[in-house]
Protein backbone atom coordinates (compact mmCIF):
# COMPACT_ATOMS: atom_id res chain seq x y z
CA MET A 1 27.37 -34.42 -40.94
CA ASP A 2 26.74 -32.60 -37.70
CA HIS A 3 25.89 -35.60 -35.56
CA PRO A 4 27.84 -38.51 -34.14
CA PRO A 5 28.44 -41.32 -36.64
CA VAL A 6 25.49 -43.66 -37.02
CA LEU A 7 26.09 -47.29 -37.96
CA MET A 8 23.48 -49.90 -38.78
CA TYR A 9 23.99 -53.61 -39.28
CA SER A 10 21.16 -54.83 -41.49
CA LYS A 11 19.91 -57.28 -44.09
CA ARG A 12 18.08 -56.01 -47.14
CA SER A 13 15.28 -58.57 -46.70
CA CYS A 14 14.53 -57.39 -43.14
CA PRO A 15 11.37 -55.26 -42.81
CA PHE A 16 12.57 -53.77 -39.50
CA CYS A 17 15.80 -52.70 -41.20
CA VAL A 18 13.79 -50.97 -43.94
CA ARG A 19 11.75 -49.12 -41.29
CA ALA A 20 14.85 -48.10 -39.33
CA LYS A 21 16.51 -46.74 -42.49
CA ALA A 22 13.33 -44.85 -43.42
CA LEU A 23 13.15 -43.27 -39.95
CA LEU A 24 16.77 -42.15 -40.07
CA GLN A 25 16.42 -40.86 -43.64
CA SER A 26 13.24 -38.94 -42.74
CA LYS A 27 15.30 -37.09 -40.12
CA GLY A 28 18.09 -36.38 -42.61
CA VAL A 29 20.53 -38.58 -40.69
CA GLU A 30 23.50 -39.89 -42.64
CA PHE A 31 24.48 -43.42 -41.62
CA GLU A 32 26.81 -46.21 -42.56
CA GLU A 33 25.07 -49.47 -43.36
CA ILE A 34 26.69 -52.86 -43.12
CA ASP A 35 24.51 -55.34 -45.01
CA LEU A 36 25.18 -58.78 -43.58
CA ILE A 37 23.97 -60.40 -46.81
CA ILE A 38 26.85 -58.70 -48.65
CA GLU A 39 29.34 -58.94 -45.75
CA PRO A 40 28.37 -62.06 -43.74
CA GLU A 41 31.83 -62.13 -42.15
CA ARG A 42 30.83 -59.01 -40.13
CA ARG A 43 28.03 -60.86 -38.28
CA ASP A 44 30.38 -61.92 -35.46
CA GLU A 45 31.52 -58.29 -35.13
CA MET A 46 27.89 -57.19 -34.76
CA ILE A 47 27.16 -59.84 -32.13
CA ARG A 48 30.29 -58.89 -30.19
CA ARG A 49 29.50 -55.15 -30.31
CA ALA A 50 25.74 -55.29 -29.80
CA GLY A 51 25.36 -58.44 -27.72
CA ALA A 52 22.49 -59.39 -30.02
CA ARG A 53 22.00 -61.64 -33.02
CA THR A 54 19.05 -59.92 -34.71
CA VAL A 55 19.08 -57.08 -37.23
CA PRO A 56 18.96 -54.20 -37.36
CA GLN A 57 21.54 -53.27 -34.75
CA ILE A 58 22.03 -49.53 -34.61
CA PHE A 59 24.82 -47.52 -33.01
CA ILE A 60 24.98 -43.78 -32.46
CA GLY A 61 28.61 -43.00 -31.81
CA ASP A 62 29.79 -45.94 -29.72
CA GLN A 63 26.42 -46.33 -27.99
CA PRO A 64 24.40 -49.40 -28.95
CA ILE A 65 20.77 -48.36 -29.54
CA GLY A 66 19.31 -51.76 -30.37
CA GLY A 67 16.91 -52.38 -33.20
CA TYR A 68 14.00 -50.61 -34.83
CA ASP A 69 11.73 -50.85 -31.79
CA GLU A 70 14.31 -49.11 -29.60
CA LEU A 71 15.06 -46.51 -32.28
CA SER A 72 11.38 -45.66 -32.76
CA ALA A 73 10.85 -45.51 -28.98
CA LEU A 74 13.69 -42.98 -28.73
CA GLU A 75 12.04 -40.94 -31.49
CA ARG A 76 8.61 -41.12 -29.81
CA ASP A 77 10.10 -39.99 -26.48
CA GLY A 78 12.01 -37.11 -28.12
CA ARG A 79 15.35 -38.59 -27.08
CA LEU A 80 16.67 -39.50 -30.53
CA ASP A 81 17.38 -35.87 -31.39
CA GLN A 82 19.29 -35.51 -28.11
CA LEU A 83 21.50 -38.49 -28.96
CA LEU A 84 22.11 -37.17 -32.45
CA ALA A 85 23.02 -33.73 -31.08
CA ALA A 86 25.59 -35.11 -28.61
């Protein structure tokens, strides 16, 4: 892995989570996924870290990115690669 760690809080039934994973995978980005269906006790951790209750919540390094809309906006603007290269 030659990018900062990427972490995603998700739920398998969430279509935005599926899209976010597909975007990261299409770029060859390795990421850790915390599925809140499997680990519901981590929901409070996500809320505390992200300041949000919805999934997905994505972090690159320690930086909260937000959800799929924010991730895809970074990709559209060409800024996602910059964050991944940091």
